[in-house]
Amino acid sequence: EMKLSVISFGYKYGIPLDADLVMDVRFLPNPNYVPSLQNKTGLDRPVGDYIRNKPHFKAFLKNYTDQIKDLLPLYIKEGKSYLTIAIGCTGGKHRSVFIAHSIAESLSKFGFSASEYHRDIRKK
């Protein structure tokens, strides 16, 4: 079984060096500019609701998770036993956290075991 890790990060702190796939989600509106969401994270329901209701979110999440799901057998065939998927936004606190969590959940629904880690969630 392939070991999957989904990591959220902030571009201002650098891309994770061990990332195999990197996705930039800065195309989504930034919850940091909404005063009531600034001090929350992508694991808090109000931030998730804010992102989930934005145009392009549903299509993006479906397309990206489908792409990962389709690529996994190819990576396995090539002998890869682990894959690190890194999701980045500006600070690594809101968008990337919510998207990484959503991707890990989606991959689990497809029957894959995916761990998630939010590298920069507590940074300022």
C-alpha atoms as a PDB file:
ATOM      1  CA  GLU A   1       0.000   0.000   0.000  1.00  0.00           C
ATOM      2  CA  MET A   2       1.254   3.447  -0.900  1.00  0.00           C
ATOM      3  CA  LYS A   3       1.794   5.874   1.964  1.00  0.00           C
ATOM      4  CA  LEU A   4       0.236   9.256   1.155  1.00  0.00           C
ATOM      5  CA  SER A   5       1.042  12.466   3.006  1.00  0.00           C
ATOM      6  CA  VAL A   6      -0.873  15.661   2.350  1.00  0.00           C
ATOM      7  CA  ILE A   7       0.924  18.743   3.677  1.00  0.00           C
ATOM      8  CA  SER A   8      -0.282  22.331   3.814  1.00  0.00           C
ATOM      9  CA  PHE A   9       2.299  25.108   3.748  1.00  0.00           C
ATOM     10  CA  GLY A  10       2.779  28.844   3.279  1.00  0.00           C
ATOM     11  CA  TYR A  11       4.785  29.986   0.272  1.00  0.00           C
ATOM     12  CA  LYS A  12       6.323  32.756   2.375  1.00  0.00           C
ATOM     13  CA  TYR A  13       8.037  29.993   4.415  1.00  0.00           C
ATOM     14  CA  GLY A  14       9.193  27.987   1.390  1.00  0.00           C
ATOM     15  CA  ILE A  15       8.036  24.887  -0.456  1.00  0.00           C
ATOM     16  CA  PRO A  16       8.476  21.609   1.473  1.00  0.00           C
ATOM     17  CA  LEU A  17      11.635  19.961   0.154  1.00  0.00           C
ATOM     18  CA  ASP A  18      10.171  16.455   0.219  1.00  0.00           C
ATOM     19  CA  ALA A  19       7.081  17.327  -1.868  1.00  0.00           C
ATOM     20  CA  ASP A  20       6.399  15.150  -4.897  1.00  0.00           C
ATOM     21  CA  LEU A  21       3.364  17.124  -6.084  1.00  0.00           C
ATOM     22  CA  VAL A  22       2.872  20.816  -5.315  1.00  0.00           C
ATOM     23  CA  MET A  23      -0.374  22.713  -5.830  1.00  0.00           C
ATOM     24  CA  ASP A  24      -0.757  26.470  -5.410  1.00  0.00           C
ATOM     25  CA  VAL A  25      -4.240  27.418  -4.136  1.00  0.00           C
ATOM     26  CA  ARG A  26      -3.667  31.170  -4.005  1.00  0.00           C
ATOM     27  CA  PHE A  27      -6.244  31.497  -6.810  1.00  0.00           C
ATOM     28  CA  LEU A  28      -8.943  31.176  -4.120  1.00  0.00           C
ATOM     29  CA  PRO A  29     -10.011  34.319  -2.212  1.00  0.00           C
ATOM     30  CA  ASN A  30      -7.958  34.765   0.963  1.00  0.00           C
ATOM     31  CA  PRO A  31      -9.886  34.420   4.264  1.00  0.00           C
ATOM     32  CA  ASN A  32      -7.083  36.363   5.962  1.00  0.00           C
ATOM     33  CA  TYR A  33      -8.655  39.547   4.580  1.00  0.00           C
ATOM     34  CA  VAL A  34     -11.963  38.826   6.345  1.00  0.00           C
ATOM     35  CA  PRO A  35     -11.569  40.236   9.881  1.00  0.00           C
ATOM     36  CA  SER A  36     -13.738  37.559  11.524  1.00  0.00           C
ATOM     37  CA  LEU A  37     -11.638  34.785   9.929  1.00  0.00           C
ATOM     38  CA  GLN A  38      -8.115  36.182  10.397  1.00  0.00           C
ATOM     39  CA  ASN A  39      -7.436  34.424  13.692  1.00  0.00           C
ATOM     40  CA  LYS A  40      -9.018  31.140  12.624  1.00  0.00           C
ATOM     41  CA  THR A  41      -7.493  28.345  10.533  1.00  0.00           C
ATOM     42  CA  GLY A  42      -8.614  26.180   7.661  1.00  0.00           C
ATOM     43  CA  LEU A  43      -9.677  23.570  10.221  1.00  0.00           C
ATOM     44  CA  ASP A  44     -12.313  25.941  11.641  1.00  0.00           C
ATOM     45  CA  ARG A  45     -15.786  25.584  10.158  1.00  0.00           C
ATOM     46  CA  PRO A  46     -16.284  29.304   9.277  1.00  0.00           C
ATOM     47  CA  VAL A  47     -13.097  29.286   7.171  1.00  0.00           C
ATOM     48  CA  GLY A  48     -14.129  26.040   5.487  1.00  0.00           C
ATOM     49  CA  ASP A  49     -17.583  27.455   4.745  1.00  0.00           C
ATOM     50  CA  TYR A  50     -16.035  30.626   3.307  1.00  0.00           C
ATOM     51  CA  ILE A  51     -13.762  28.663   0.936  1.00  0.00           C
ATOM     52  CA  ARG A  52     -16.316  25.969   0.089  1.00  0.00           C
ATOM     53  CA  ASN A  53     -18.761  28.617  -1.151  1.00  0.00           C
ATOM     54  CA  LYS A  54     -16.313  30.291  -3.542  1.00  0.00           C
ATOM     55  CA  PRO A  55     -16.596  29.813  -7.305  1.00  0.00           C
ATOM     56  CA  HIS A  56     -14.255  27.166  -8.702  1.00  0.00           C
ATOM     57  CA  PHE A  57     -13.729  25.393  -5.353  1.00  0.00           C
ATOM     58  CA  LYS A  58     -15.875  22.310  -6.041  1.00  0.00           C
ATOM     59  CA  ALA A  59     -14.618  21.825  -9.591  1.00  0.00           C
ATOM     60  CA  PHE A  60     -11.013  22.328  -8.521  1.00  0.00           C
ATOM     61  CA  LEU A  61     -11.226  19.856  -5.636  1.00  0.00           C
ATOM     62  CA  LYS A  62     -12.921  17.203  -7.754  1.00  0.00           C
ATOM     63  CA  ASN A  63     -10.529  17.610 -10.681  1.00  0.00           C
ATOM     64  CA  TYR A  64      -7.390  17.632  -8.547  1.00  0.00           C
ATOM     65  CA  THR A  65      -8.345  14.662  -6.388  1.00  0.00           C
ATOM     66  CA  ASP A  66      -9.416  12.728  -9.500  1.00  0.00           C
ATOM     67  CA  GLN A  67      -6.039  13.497 -11.056  1.00  0.00           C
ATOM     68  CA  ILE A  68      -4.193  12.271  -7.974  1.00  0.00           C
ATOM     69  CA  LYS A  69      -6.369   9.156  -7.827  1.00  0.00           C
ATOM     70  CA  ASP A  70      -5.610   8.415 -11.500  1.00  0.00           C
ATOM     71  CA  LEU A  71      -1.861   8.946 -11.012  1.00  0.00           C
ATOM     72  CA  LEU A  72      -1.460   6.765  -7.921  1.00  0.00           C
ATOM     73  CA  PRO A  73      -1.526   3.411  -9.775  1.00  0.00           C
ATOM     74  CA  LEU A  74       1.136   4.773 -12.144  1.00  0.00           C
ATOM     75  CA  TYR A  75       3.392   5.805  -9.256  1.00  0.00           C
ATOM     76  CA  ILE A  76       2.858   2.380  -7.659  1.00  0.00           C
ATOM     77  CA  LYS A  77       3.682   0.646 -10.940  1.00  0.00           C
ATOM     78  CA  GLU A  78       6.968   2.570 -11.015  1.00  0.00           C
ATOM     79  CA  GLY A  79       7.817   1.243  -7.562  1.00  0.00           C
ATOM     80  CA  LYS A  80       7.063   4.355  -5.516  1.00  0.00           C
ATOM     81  CA  SER A  81       5.822   3.434  -2.034  1.00  0.00           C
ATOM     82  CA  TYR A  82       5.103   6.943  -0.731  1.00  0.00           C
ATOM     83  CA  LEU A  83       3.872  10.217  -2.177  1.00  0.00           C
ATOM     84  CA  THR A  84       3.902  13.657  -0.573  1.00  0.00           C
ATOM     85  CA  ILE A  85       1.295  16.099  -1.851  1.00  0.00           C
ATOM     86  CA  ALA A  86       1.940  19.697  -0.796  1.00  0.00           C
ATOM     87  CA  ILE A  87      -0.772  22.356  -0.934  1.00  0.00           C
ATOM     88  CA  GLY A  88       0.375  25.957  -0.620  1.00  0.00           C
ATOM     89  CA  CYS A  89      -1.152  29.358  -0.024  1.00  0.00           C
ATOM     90  CA  THR A  90       0.405  32.602   1.157  1.00  0.00           C
ATOM     91  CA  GLY A  91       0.784  31.933   4.886  1.00  0.00           C
ATOM     92  CA  GLY A  92      -0.224  28.302   5.252  1.00  0.00           C
ATOM     93  CA  LYS A  93      -3.013  28.976   7.712  1.00  0.00           C
ATOM     94  CA  HIS A  94      -6.332  29.129   5.848  1.00  0.00           C
ATOM     95  CA  ARG A  95      -6.714  28.014   2.219  1.00  0.00           C
ATOM     96  CA  SER A  96      -3.940  25.420   2.051  1.00  0.00           C
ATOM     97  CA  VAL A  97      -5.035  23.881   5.355  1.00  0.00           C
ATOM     98  CA  PHE A  98      -8.658  23.534   4.271  1.00  0.00           C
ATOM     99  CA  ILE A  99      -7.734  22.173   0.829  1.00  0.00           C
ATOM    100  CA  ALA A 100      -5.152  19.717   2.225  1.00  0.00           C
ATOM    101  CA  HIS A 101      -7.705  18.448   4.734  1.00  0.00           C
ATOM    102  CA  SER A 102     -10.324  18.134   1.985  1.00  0.00           C
ATOM    103  CA  ILE A 103      -7.913  16.232  -0.286  1.00  0.00           C
ATOM    104  CA  ALA A 104      -6.927  13.835   2.510  1.00  0.00           C
ATOM    105  CA  GLU A 105     -10.625  13.193   3.203  1.00  0.00           C
ATOM    106  CA  SER A 106     -11.371  12.633  -0.492  1.00  0.00           C
ATOM    107  CA  LEU A 107      -8.472  10.218  -0.912  1.00  0.00           C
ATOM    108  CA  SER A 108      -9.717   8.284   2.116  1.00  0.00           C
ATOM    109  CA  LYS A 109     -13.128   7.982   0.457  1.00  0.00           C
ATOM    110  CA  PHE A 110     -11.353   6.492  -2.579  1.00  0.00           C
ATOM    111  CA  GLY A 111      -9.876   3.856  -0.254  1.00  0.00           C
ATOM    112  CA  PHE A 112      -6.371   5.311   0.147  1.00  0.00           C
ATOM    113  CA  SER A 113      -4.747   5.935   3.503  1.00  0.00           C
ATOM    114  CA  ALA A 114      -3.640   9.569   3.653  1.00  0.00           C
ATOM    115  CA  SER A 115      -2.088  11.409   6.581  1.00  0.00           C
ATOM    116  CA  GLU A 116      -2.263  15.175   6.800  1.00  0.00           C
ATOM    117  CA  TYR A 117       0.127  17.668   8.317  1.00  0.00           C
ATOM    118  CA  HIS A 118      -0.218  21.445   8.500  1.00  0.00           C
ATOM    119  CA  ARG A 119       3.343  22.714   8.619  1.00  0.00           C
ATOM    120  CA  ASP A 120       2.734  26.455   8.988  1.00  0.00           C
ATOM    121  CA  ILE A 121      -0.708  26.589  10.607  1.00  0.00           C
ATOM    122  CA  ARG A 122       0.589  28.234  13.823  1.00  0.00           C
ATOM    123  CA  LYS A 123       2.983  30.726  12.239  1.00  0.00           C
ATOM    124  CA  LYS A 124       2.105  34.426  12.090  1.00  0.00           C
END
